[in-house]
């Protein structure tokens, strides 16, 4: 069973790789900076000094394992390679982002224009791989509104989709285990869709990612001994976006990635409200910090633990993904 091989290899390799990577990062001081909240947010000072860029470990496991297993099992699919390329390039972009923050001791990493350029290049590379594999570049519109045809249209949408969802996943990575646990649910959902479509290449790739994330979660759960950093979060989002594209279920990500979408929308609402009215709608954004600071009712006198926030958001992600499959029946 391909899915079982993917899970076992991804989990086992990551459980072995992550502690070694964590110890090495400690030695060379690849550590998390304290999030600046100016007293408005939860106190995360204790997280300072925790090794980051852990995403490099599980991404490397997935990439190497997929290349080896795909050739052994004869899974030479353009869809699998396209997703893998997006994951790799976005991991590299995230790695640069993390490195700049760490070595320059600043909150802001990669500048906007070069970061966006690199993300666009990743999307174009994925499109080239799909074109070489004679992929059908048809974008079905939601609600039965027809479809759009053509390489140019599909490329523009792919760029928008990859950039948007990779950054949405990045925004979600603010609490121990939150992004990794939510991504596990989303990748399982796309594994099921790949199984329905008999796309064994994506079954292998996605189960490798699920296994790797579960292995990483052993060390990333609260209290985390290592963080994934932008290296991991951008790669995860890109992989999910490409899954939805190559499986021709683009709009599925709105439900399967519901938590990531809400995190992004709350940031947009908060910024817009503050700029127009000078008032904040939420205690803090991304929204997981609002729950951490004031619970479900937004009362600062009753803050929630990270585990409680994680459990709520994982539950929402699971319900939303389940709703997608119910709607599809």
Protein backbone atom coordinates (compact mmCIF):
# COMPACT_ATOMS: atom_id res chain seq x y z
CA UNK A 1 0.00 0.00 0.00
CA UNK A 2 1.54 3.26 -1.18
CA UNK A 3 -0.17 5.39 1.46
CA UNK A 4 1.19 3.22 4.26
CA UNK A 5 4.72 3.38 2.84
CA UNK A 6 4.47 7.17 2.64
CA UNK A 7 3.24 7.52 6.22
CA UNK A 8 5.83 5.16 7.67
CA UNK A 9 8.81 6.60 5.79
CA UNK A 10 7.77 10.22 6.37
CA UNK A 11 7.17 9.73 10.07
CA UNK A 12 10.18 7.53 10.79
CA UNK A 13 12.69 9.66 8.91
CA UNK A 14 11.44 12.94 10.39
CA UNK A 15 11.50 11.59 13.95
CA UNK A 16 15.15 10.72 13.37
CA UNK A 17 16.15 13.88 11.49
CA UNK A 18 14.43 16.56 13.59
CA UNK A 19 16.31 16.08 16.90
CA UNK A 20 19.65 16.14 15.09
CA UNK A 21 18.62 19.26 13.19
CA UNK A 22 17.35 20.90 16.39
CA UNK A 23 20.62 20.27 18.21
CA UNK A 24 22.67 21.57 15.29
CA UNK A 25 20.52 24.71 15.04
CA UNK A 26 21.03 25.26 18.78
CA UNK A 27 24.77 25.04 18.28
CA UNK A 28 24.87 27.58 15.44
CA UNK A 29 22.21 29.78 17.11
CA UNK A 30 19.43 29.44 14.52
CA UNK A 31 16.89 30.63 17.06
CA UNK A 32 13.44 32.18 17.24
CA UNK A 33 13.17 35.91 17.87
CA UNK A 34 10.64 37.26 20.38
CA UNK A 35 7.45 38.43 18.67
CA UNK A 36 6.99 42.16 19.23
CA UNK A 37 3.47 43.00 20.39
CA UNK A 38 4.11 46.25 22.29
CA UNK A 39 2.28 44.81 25.28
CA UNK A 40 -0.93 44.14 23.31
CA UNK A 41 -0.44 40.43 22.79
CA UNK A 42 0.36 37.23 24.70
CA UNK A 43 3.78 37.01 26.28
CA UNK A 44 5.92 34.75 24.10
CA UNK A 45 9.24 35.75 25.63
CA UNK A 46 9.80 32.15 26.74
CA UNK A 47 9.92 31.10 23.09
CA UNK A 48 13.00 33.21 22.40
CA UNK A 49 16.00 31.05 21.68
CA UNK A 50 13.98 28.05 20.49
CA UNK A 51 15.52 26.64 17.28
CA UNK A 52 13.60 27.51 14.15
CA UNK A 53 13.73 26.58 10.44
CA UNK A 54 12.66 23.04 11.40
CA UNK A 55 10.67 22.94 8.18
CA UNK A 56 13.96 22.32 6.39
CA UNK A 57 14.04 18.89 8.03
CA UNK A 58 10.61 17.59 7.08
CA UNK A 59 10.73 19.16 3.61
CA UNK A 60 14.08 17.47 2.96
CA UNK A 61 12.65 14.14 4.14
CA UNK A 62 9.67 14.46 1.82
CA UNK A 63 11.76 15.52 -1.19
CA UNK A 64 14.42 12.81 -0.88
CA UNK A 65 11.93 10.06 -0.01
CA UNK A 66 9.62 11.01 -2.88
CA UNK A 67 12.40 11.06 -5.46
CA UNK A 68 13.66 7.64 -4.37
CA UNK A 69 10.25 5.98 -3.93
CA UNK A 70 8.76 7.49 -7.09
CA UNK A 71 11.50 5.90 -9.19
CA UNK A 72 11.34 2.58 -7.33
CA UNK A 73 7.54 2.41 -7.67
CA UNK A 74 7.48 3.84 -11.19
CA UNK A 75 5.33 6.84 -10.29
CA UNK A 76 6.49 9.25 -12.98
CA UNK A 77 3.65 11.78 -12.87
CA UNK A 78 3.90 15.43 -13.90
CA UNK A 79 1.39 16.33 -11.20
CA UNK A 80 3.59 14.89 -8.46
CA UNK A 81 6.73 16.62 -9.72
CA UNK A 82 4.89 19.94 -10.10
CA UNK A 83 3.72 19.84 -6.48
CA UNK A 84 7.20 18.84 -5.33
CA UNK A 85 8.83 21.73 -7.23
CA UNK A 86 6.44 24.23 -5.63
CA UNK A 87 7.19 22.82 -2.17
CA UNK A 88 10.96 22.96 -2.73
CA UNK A 89 11.11 26.48 -4.18
CA UNK A 90 8.81 27.92 -1.53
CA UNK A 91 10.89 26.20 1.16
CA UNK A 92 13.97 27.90 -0.27
CA UNK A 93 12.18 31.28 -0.27
CA UNK A 94 11.14 30.68 3.34
CA UNK A 95 14.70 29.66 4.19
CA UNK A 96 16.04 32.96 2.92
CA UNK A 97 13.31 34.75 4.84
CA UNK A 98 14.20 32.95 8.08
CA UNK A 99 17.93 33.45 7.59
CA UNK A 100 17.62 37.20 7.12
CA UNK A 101 15.47 37.52 10.25
CA UNK A 102 17.87 35.43 12.32
CA UNK A 103 21.21 36.82 11.23
CA UNK A 104 20.07 40.45 11.00
CA UNK A 105 18.00 40.23 14.23
CA UNK A 106 14.91 41.82 12.73
CA UNK A 107 11.22 40.93 12.37
CA UNK A 108 11.13 41.52 8.62
CA UNK A 109 12.89 39.05 6.35
CA UNK A 110 12.95 38.86 2.57
CA UNK A 111 11.94 42.16 0.96
CA UNK A 112 8.52 42.14 -0.70
CA UNK A 113 9.58 42.40 -4.36
CA UNK A 114 12.30 39.71 -4.43
CA UNK A 115 10.11 37.43 -2.31
CA UNK A 116 7.16 37.85 -4.67
CA UNK A 117 9.41 37.38 -7.69
CA UNK A 118 10.74 34.08 -6.32
CA UNK A 119 7.20 32.90 -5.59
CA UNK A 120 6.10 33.76 -9.13
CA UNK A 121 9.09 31.87 -10.57
CA UNK A 122 8.06 28.81 -8.52
CA UNK A 123 4.56 28.94 -10.00
CA UNK A 124 5.91 29.25 -13.54
CA UNK A 125 8.29 26.30 -13.02
CA UNK A 126 5.37 24.17 -11.82
CA UNK A 127 3.34 25.19 -14.88
CA UNK A 128 6.21 24.23 -17.20
CA UNK A 129 6.39 20.76 -15.63
CA UNK A 130 2.63 20.33 -16.04
CA UNK A 131 2.81 21.50 -19.67
CA UNK A 132 5.53 18.94 -20.40
CA UNK A 133 3.22 16.32 -18.90
CA UNK A 134 0.36 17.40 -21.22
CA UNK A 135 -1.74 18.69 -18.34
CA UNK A 136 -5.24 19.92 -19.13
CA UNK A 137 -5.15 23.64 -18.30
CA UNK A 138 -8.85 24.09 -17.57
CA UNK A 139 -10.00 26.14 -14.59
CA UNK A 140 -13.53 25.22 -13.51
CA UNK A 141 -15.37 28.19 -12.03
CA UNK A 142 -17.32 27.75 -8.78
CA UNK A 143 -21.10 27.30 -8.57
CA UNK A 144 -21.26 25.76 -12.05
CA UNK A 145 -20.41 29.03 -13.79
CA UNK A 146 -18.51 27.28 -16.55
CA UNK A 147 -14.78 27.08 -17.02
CA UNK A 148 -11.80 29.05 -18.29
CA UNK A 149 -9.36 27.55 -20.78
CA UNK A 150 -5.83 28.47 -21.71
CA UNK A 151 -2.28 28.39 -20.41
CA UNK A 152 -2.06 32.14 -19.74
CA UNK A 153 -5.20 32.25 -17.59
CA UNK A 154 -4.17 29.14 -15.69
CA UNK A 155 -0.68 30.53 -15.07
CA UNK A 156 -2.04 33.79 -13.65
CA UNK A 157 -4.41 31.88 -11.38
CA UNK A 158 -1.63 29.54 -10.27
CA UNK A 159 0.57 32.48 -9.27
CA UNK A 160 -2.29 34.07 -7.33
CA UNK A 161 -3.23 30.74 -5.70
CA UNK A 162 0.30 29.80 -4.66
CA UNK A 163 1.23 33.22 -3.30
CA UNK A 164 -2.06 33.60 -1.45
CA UNK A 165 -2.21 30.19 0.22
CA UNK A 166 1.48 29.98 1.07
CA UNK A 167 1.26 33.27 2.92
CA UNK A 168 -2.02 32.22 4.56
CA UNK A 169 -0.29 29.13 5.96
CA UNK A 170 2.59 31.30 7.06
CA UNK A 171 0.22 33.54 9.05
CA UNK A 172 -1.21 30.48 10.80
CA UNK A 173 2.20 29.41 12.08
CA UNK A 174 2.08 31.43 15.31
CA UNK A 175 1.44 28.85 18.05
CA UNK A 176 3.16 25.58 18.90
CA UNK A 177 1.77 22.86 16.64
CA UNK A 178 -1.00 25.00 15.13
CA UNK A 179 0.16 25.10 11.51
CA UNK A 180 1.60 21.59 11.49
CA UNK A 181 -1.55 20.03 12.98
CA UNK A 182 -3.87 21.97 10.67
CA UNK A 183 -1.74 21.04 7.65
CA UNK A 184 -1.91 17.35 8.58
CA UNK A 185 -5.70 17.51 8.28
CA UNK A 186 -5.53 19.33 4.94
CA UNK A 187 -2.97 16.96 3.43
CA UNK A 188 -5.01 13.94 4.55
CA UNK A 189 -8.00 15.46 2.73
CA UNK A 190 -5.99 15.79 -0.50
CA UNK A 191 -4.68 12.27 -0.06
CA UNK A 192 -8.29 11.05 -0.05
CA UNK A 193 -9.04 13.07 -3.19
CA UNK A 194 -5.92 11.68 -4.87
CA UNK A 195 -7.05 8.16 -3.94
CA UNK A 196 -10.47 8.86 -5.47
CA UNK A 197 -8.76 9.98 -8.68
CA UNK A 198 -6.25 7.08 -8.59
CA UNK A 199 -3.36 9.56 -8.64
CA UNK A 200 -0.80 7.34 -6.91
CA UNK A 201 2.00 9.88 -7.26
CA UNK A 202 0.11 12.40 -5.16
CA UNK A 203 -0.98 9.71 -2.72
CA UNK A 204 2.70 8.98 -2.12
CA UNK A 205 3.74 12.65 -1.90
CA UNK A 206 0.87 13.65 0.40
CA UNK A 207 1.25 10.71 2.75
CA UNK A 208 4.98 11.39 2.97
CA UNK A 209 4.05 14.94 3.99
CA UNK A 210 1.45 13.75 6.51
CA UNK A 211 3.91 11.31 8.03
CA UNK A 212 6.66 13.93 8.12
CA UNK A 213 4.36 16.49 9.76
CA UNK A 214 3.24 13.99 12.38
CA UNK A 215 6.89 13.23 13.08
CA UNK A 216 7.65 16.94 13.31
CA UNK A 217 4.63 17.49 15.56
CA UNK A 218 6.28 15.24 18.16
CA UNK A 219 8.77 18.08 18.69
CA UNK A 220 6.61 21.02 17.60
CA UNK A 221 3.67 20.42 19.95
CA UNK A 222 3.40 22.65 23.03
CA UNK A 223 5.89 23.39 24.46
CA UNK A 224 7.73 23.24 21.16
CA UNK A 225 11.43 22.44 21.12
CA UNK A 226 11.69 23.52 17.47
CA UNK A 227 9.63 25.70 15.10
CA UNK A 228 9.11 25.15 11.38
CA UNK A 229 9.73 28.79 10.43
CA UNK A 230 8.84 30.29 7.07
CA UNK A 231 10.88 27.46 5.55
CA UNK A 232 8.15 25.02 6.49
CA UNK A 233 5.00 27.14 6.47
CA UNK A 234 5.46 28.61 2.97
CA UNK A 235 6.27 25.17 1.58
CA UNK A 236 3.18 23.64 3.19
CA UNK A 237 0.88 26.29 1.76
CA UNK A 238 2.39 25.97 -1.71
CA UNK A 239 1.96 22.20 -1.60
CA UNK A 240 -1.70 22.50 -0.67
CA UNK A 241 -2.36 25.07 -3.39
CA UNK A 242 -0.70 22.89 -6.02
CA UNK A 243 -2.65 19.85 -4.84
CA UNK A 244 -5.92 21.65 -5.42
CA UNK A 245 -4.74 22.74 -8.87
CA UNK A 246 -3.35 19.49 -10.23
CA UNK A 247 -6.32 17.48 -8.91
CA UNK A 248 -8.69 19.99 -10.59
CA UNK A 249 -10.46 20.74 -7.30
CA UNK A 250 -9.18 24.28 -6.97
CA UNK A 251 -12.05 25.65 -4.89
CA UNK A 252 -11.87 22.76 -2.44
CA UNK A 253 -9.11 24.65 -0.66
CA UNK A 254 -11.63 27.20 0.60
CA UNK A 255 -13.04 24.50 2.89
CA UNK A 256 -10.04 22.21 3.29
CA UNK A 257 -7.87 25.24 4.04
CA UNK A 258 -10.62 27.08 5.91
CA UNK A 259 -8.50 27.82 8.99
CA UNK A 260 -5.72 29.31 6.84
CA UNK A 261 -8.24 31.44 4.97
CA UNK A 262 -9.85 32.77 8.18
CA UNK A 263 -6.44 33.65 9.61
CA UNK A 264 -5.72 35.75 6.52
CA UNK A 265 -9.14 37.39 6.37
CA UNK A 266 -8.94 38.51 10.00
CA UNK A 267 -5.59 40.16 9.33
CA UNK A 268 -7.05 41.97 6.31
CA UNK A 269 -10.12 43.08 8.30
CA UNK A 270 -7.98 44.28 11.20
CA UNK A 271 -5.64 46.32 9.00
CA UNK A 272 -8.50 47.84 6.99
CA UNK A 273 -10.49 48.75 10.11
CA UNK A 274 -7.50 50.30 11.87
CA UNK A 275 -6.50 52.38 8.86
CA UNK A 276 -10.02 53.62 8.17
CA UNK A 277 -11.34 54.10 11.71
CA UNK A 278 -8.36 53.79 14.04
CA UNK A 279 -10.11 50.88 15.79
CA UNK A 280 -9.31 47.18 15.96
CA UNK A 281 -12.02 44.60 15.34
CA UNK A 282 -10.13 41.79 17.09
CA UNK A 283 -7.93 41.79 20.17
CA UNK A 284 -5.05 40.74 17.98
CA UNK A 285 -4.41 39.13 14.60
CA UNK A 286 -3.82 36.60 13.18
CA UNK A 287 -6.97 35.46 14.96
CA UNK A 288 -5.32 32.63 16.90
CA UNK A 289 -3.60 35.29 19.04
CA UNK A 290 -6.99 36.84 19.79
CA UNK A 291 -8.21 33.50 21.17
CA UNK A 292 -4.96 33.08 23.06
CA UNK A 293 -5.32 36.53 24.59
CA UNK A 294 -9.06 36.53 25.35
CA UNK A 295 -10.64 33.17 24.59
CA UNK A 296 -13.84 32.68 22.63
CA UNK A 297 -15.50 35.84 24.02
CA UNK A 298 -12.47 38.08 23.60
CA UNK A 299 -12.14 38.70 27.34
CA UNK A 300 -8.51 39.39 28.35
CA UNK A 301 -9.36 38.21 31.86
CA UNK A 302 -9.90 34.69 30.50
CA UNK A 303 -7.02 33.88 28.13
CA UNK A 304 -6.72 30.46 26.54
CA UNK A 305 -3.73 28.14 26.60
CA UNK A 306 -2.00 27.32 23.33
CA UNK A 307 -3.27 23.74 23.53
CA UNK A 308 -6.86 24.96 23.84
CA UNK A 309 -6.48 27.24 20.82
CA UNK A 310 -4.82 24.44 18.83
CA UNK A 311 -7.63 22.02 19.68
CA UNK A 312 -10.29 24.51 18.57
CA UNK A 313 -8.57 25.34 15.29
CA UNK A 314 -7.76 21.71 14.50
CA UNK A 315 -11.42 20.85 15.15
CA UNK A 316 -12.59 23.63 12.85
CA UNK A 317 -10.18 22.44 10.15
CA UNK A 318 -11.41 18.86 10.49
CA UNK A 319 -15.09 19.89 10.36
CA UNK A 320 -14.53 22.12 7.33
CA UNK A 321 -12.64 19.37 5.45
CA UNK A 322 -15.36 16.88 6.34
CA UNK A 323 -17.98 19.31 5.06
CA UNK A 324 -16.24 19.44 1.72
CA UNK A 325 -16.55 15.67 1.30
CA UNK A 326 -20.20 15.76 2.39
CA UNK A 327 -20.95 18.44 -0.21
CA UNK A 328 -19.20 16.41 -2.90
CA UNK A 329 -21.43 13.38 -2.35
